[in-house]
């Protein structure tokens, strides 16, 4: 049987997962600097099986404008190149027979504004997840109050839920603010 305590714990873990997802999504947005996380969503055709890029090559950022990919097998150079082109990220991989190198072009002001908008959208998606989780927790507390849980204790629990949601909202805001500064910095 589920209790209010276990529901609040499950809610907290769901909030943590949603926040972690936000952090991962923000990491994929390139802010003019080369980071291996930019390529985290790319799948490479590894002998007929779609495989994450990080499992077929070592991805490194030797400097702020370059990504270097060293495949575990030389036969993977062409599939890695193809996967990067197909990802349609506006990046041009260069294969030198040993490594695949990607030069990251500097962002235009217009592209920076687009990325800032995209960041806000991702943040709003996280907030929608938080609201959904909050609603589930609140509904459970209200159901328990109807079934005999003390009303004043139920109100206290609702206050705890609201406080936790506000705390997560402020974490999202600070993450978005930091990412926007990073994007807009020339």
Protein backbone atom coordinates (compact mmCIF):
# COMPACT_ATOMS: atom_id res chain seq x y z
CA UNK A 1 0.00 0.00 0.00
CA UNK A 2 1.30 3.41 -0.93
CA UNK A 3 1.64 6.00 1.82
CA UNK A 4 1.92 9.77 1.64
CA UNK A 5 5.60 9.48 2.63
CA UNK A 6 6.39 7.05 -0.21
CA UNK A 7 4.44 9.21 -2.66
CA UNK A 8 6.47 12.27 -1.66
CA UNK A 9 9.71 10.26 -2.03
CA UNK A 10 8.64 9.03 -5.49
CA UNK A 11 7.73 12.60 -6.40
CA UNK A 12 11.14 13.86 -5.30
CA UNK A 13 12.89 11.20 -7.37
CA UNK A 14 10.72 12.14 -10.39
CA UNK A 15 11.63 15.80 -9.89
CA UNK A 16 15.32 14.87 -9.72
CA UNK A 17 15.01 12.88 -12.96
CA UNK A 18 13.26 15.78 -14.71
CA UNK A 19 15.99 18.18 -13.51
CA UNK A 20 18.72 15.77 -14.67
CA UNK A 21 17.02 15.54 -18.08
CA UNK A 22 17.02 19.34 -18.29
CA UNK A 23 20.75 19.44 -17.51
CA UNK A 24 21.42 16.85 -20.25
CA UNK A 25 19.32 18.74 -22.80
CA UNK A 26 21.04 22.04 -21.98
CA UNK A 27 24.40 20.31 -22.40
CA UNK A 28 23.49 19.40 -25.97
CA UNK A 29 22.98 23.05 -26.92
CA UNK A 30 26.24 24.36 -28.25
CA UNK A 31 27.19 27.76 -26.99
CA UNK A 32 30.09 28.40 -29.33
CA UNK A 33 32.40 26.11 -27.36
CA UNK A 34 33.22 22.55 -28.36
CA UNK A 35 32.04 19.99 -25.80
CA UNK A 36 31.75 16.22 -26.23
CA UNK A 37 28.17 16.46 -24.89
CA UNK A 38 27.17 18.16 -28.16
CA UNK A 39 27.41 14.78 -29.88
CA UNK A 40 25.75 12.73 -27.13
CA UNK A 41 22.53 12.11 -29.08
CA UNK A 42 24.23 10.86 -32.25
CA UNK A 43 23.78 7.19 -33.15
CA UNK A 44 26.32 5.48 -35.44
CA UNK A 45 25.57 2.45 -37.61
CA UNK A 46 27.86 -0.14 -35.98
CA UNK A 47 27.65 -3.20 -38.21
CA UNK A 48 23.90 -2.74 -38.68
CA UNK A 49 23.13 -1.74 -35.08
CA UNK A 50 22.49 1.90 -34.10
CA UNK A 51 25.04 2.57 -31.35
CA UNK A 52 25.77 5.75 -29.35
CA UNK A 53 28.81 7.60 -30.74
CA UNK A 54 30.62 7.45 -27.38
CA UNK A 55 30.59 3.62 -27.59
CA UNK A 56 32.42 3.46 -30.94
CA UNK A 57 34.89 6.34 -30.52
CA UNK A 58 36.74 8.43 -27.99
CA UNK A 59 35.26 11.95 -28.13
CA UNK A 60 37.48 14.78 -26.88
CA UNK A 61 37.67 18.57 -27.10
CA UNK A 62 41.37 19.43 -27.53
CA UNK A 63 40.48 23.14 -27.61
CA UNK A 64 37.37 25.35 -27.44
CA UNK A 65 36.79 25.25 -31.23
CA UNK A 66 37.57 21.61 -32.09
CA UNK A 67 36.15 18.17 -31.37
CA UNK A 68 38.32 15.14 -32.00
CA UNK A 69 36.87 11.65 -32.44
CA UNK A 70 39.15 8.63 -32.44
CA UNK A 71 37.23 5.46 -33.35
CA UNK A 72 38.09 2.20 -31.63
CA UNK A 73 38.19 0.62 -35.12
CA UNK A 74 39.43 2.36 -38.28
CA UNK A 75 36.51 0.85 -40.21
CA UNK A 76 34.20 3.12 -38.20
CA UNK A 77 35.60 6.40 -39.61
CA UNK A 78 33.11 6.58 -42.53
CA UNK A 79 30.01 5.56 -40.49
CA UNK A 80 30.91 8.16 -37.82
CA UNK A 81 31.28 10.85 -40.49
CA UNK A 82 27.96 9.86 -42.06
CA UNK A 83 26.16 9.88 -38.68
CA UNK A 84 27.40 13.41 -37.93
CA UNK A 85 26.25 14.66 -41.35
CA UNK A 86 22.84 12.96 -40.91
CA UNK A 87 22.40 14.52 -37.45
CA UNK A 88 22.00 17.83 -39.31
CA UNK A 89 23.73 19.91 -36.64
CA UNK A 90 25.50 22.19 -39.11
CA UNK A 91 28.85 20.55 -38.36
CA UNK A 92 31.32 19.36 -40.99
CA UNK A 93 33.45 16.37 -39.96
CA UNK A 94 36.91 15.98 -41.52
CA UNK A 95 38.42 12.50 -41.74
CA UNK A 96 42.24 12.29 -41.84
CA UNK A 97 42.50 8.48 -41.78
CA UNK A 98 43.12 8.32 -38.02
CA UNK A 99 40.72 10.81 -36.45
CA UNK A 100 37.52 12.61 -37.33
CA UNK A 101 37.90 16.29 -36.49
CA UNK A 102 35.09 18.79 -36.27
CA UNK A 103 35.73 22.53 -36.26
CA UNK A 104 33.02 24.41 -34.41
CA UNK A 105 32.21 27.67 -36.20
CA UNK A 106 31.61 30.77 -34.07
CA UNK A 107 27.94 31.60 -33.54
CA UNK A 108 26.27 34.58 -35.21
CA UNK A 109 24.20 36.94 -33.04
CA UNK A 110 21.01 35.69 -34.72
CA UNK A 111 21.91 32.06 -33.98
CA UNK A 112 22.67 32.97 -30.36
CA UNK A 113 19.17 34.43 -30.00
CA UNK A 114 17.65 31.27 -31.50
CA UNK A 115 19.62 29.11 -29.06
CA UNK A 116 18.51 31.30 -26.13
CA UNK A 117 14.87 30.78 -27.23
CA UNK A 118 15.48 27.04 -27.51
CA UNK A 119 16.92 27.08 -23.98
CA UNK A 120 13.79 28.77 -22.64
CA UNK A 121 11.59 26.18 -24.38
CA UNK A 122 13.54 23.32 -22.82
CA UNK A 123 13.23 25.03 -19.42
CA UNK A 124 9.48 25.43 -19.89
CA UNK A 125 9.20 21.71 -20.70
CA UNK A 126 10.93 20.93 -17.40
CA UNK A 127 8.49 23.19 -15.55
CA UNK A 128 5.56 21.40 -17.20
CA UNK A 129 7.00 18.10 -15.92
CA UNK A 130 7.29 19.60 -12.44
CA UNK A 131 3.66 20.77 -12.53
CA UNK A 132 2.52 17.31 -13.59
CA UNK A 133 4.47 15.66 -10.76
CA UNK A 134 3.09 18.25 -8.30
CA UNK A 135 -0.46 17.51 -9.44
CA UNK A 136 -0.03 13.76 -8.89
CA UNK A 137 1.35 14.33 -5.39
CA UNK A 138 -1.39 16.83 -4.49
CA UNK A 139 -4.13 14.51 -5.79
CA UNK A 140 -2.76 11.65 -3.68
CA UNK A 141 -2.67 13.81 -0.53
CA UNK A 142 -6.26 15.01 -1.16
CA UNK A 143 -7.41 11.41 -1.69
CA UNK A 144 -5.77 10.37 1.59
CA UNK A 145 -7.46 13.27 3.44
CA UNK A 146 -10.85 12.08 2.12
CA UNK A 147 -10.03 8.59 3.36
CA UNK A 148 -9.34 9.75 6.91
CA UNK A 149 -5.84 11.29 6.96
CA UNK A 150 -5.95 14.36 9.29
CA UNK A 151 -6.87 17.49 7.32
CA UNK A 152 -4.35 19.80 8.99
CA UNK A 153 -1.56 17.26 8.34
CA UNK A 154 -2.74 17.07 4.72
CA UNK A 155 -2.51 20.87 4.40
CA UNK A 156 0.99 20.72 5.86
CA UNK A 157 1.98 18.08 3.27
CA UNK A 158 0.54 20.23 0.46
CA UNK A 159 2.67 23.11 1.74
CA UNK A 160 5.75 20.86 1.69
CA UNK A 161 4.98 19.86 -1.90
CA UNK A 162 4.58 23.50 -2.99
CA UNK A 163 7.83 24.44 -1.25
CA UNK A 164 9.69 21.63 -3.00
CA UNK A 165 8.27 22.62 -6.40
CA UNK A 166 9.32 26.26 -5.85
CA UNK A 167 12.81 25.05 -4.96
CA UNK A 168 13.04 23.09 -8.22
CA UNK A 169 11.66 26.04 -10.21
CA UNK A 170 14.45 28.23 -8.84
CA UNK A 171 17.03 25.56 -9.82
CA UNK A 172 15.63 25.60 -13.37
CA UNK A 173 15.77 29.40 -13.49
CA UNK A 174 19.40 29.49 -12.37
CA UNK A 175 20.37 26.78 -14.89
CA UNK A 176 18.61 28.67 -17.70
CA UNK A 177 20.19 31.96 -16.67
CA UNK A 178 23.67 30.42 -16.67
CA UNK A 179 23.13 28.75 -20.05
CA UNK A 180 21.77 31.96 -21.57
CA UNK A 181 24.82 33.91 -20.34
CA UNK A 182 27.06 31.24 -21.84
CA UNK A 183 25.23 31.41 -25.17
CA UNK A 184 25.16 35.21 -25.42
CA UNK A 185 28.83 35.64 -24.42
CA UNK A 186 30.83 36.46 -27.54
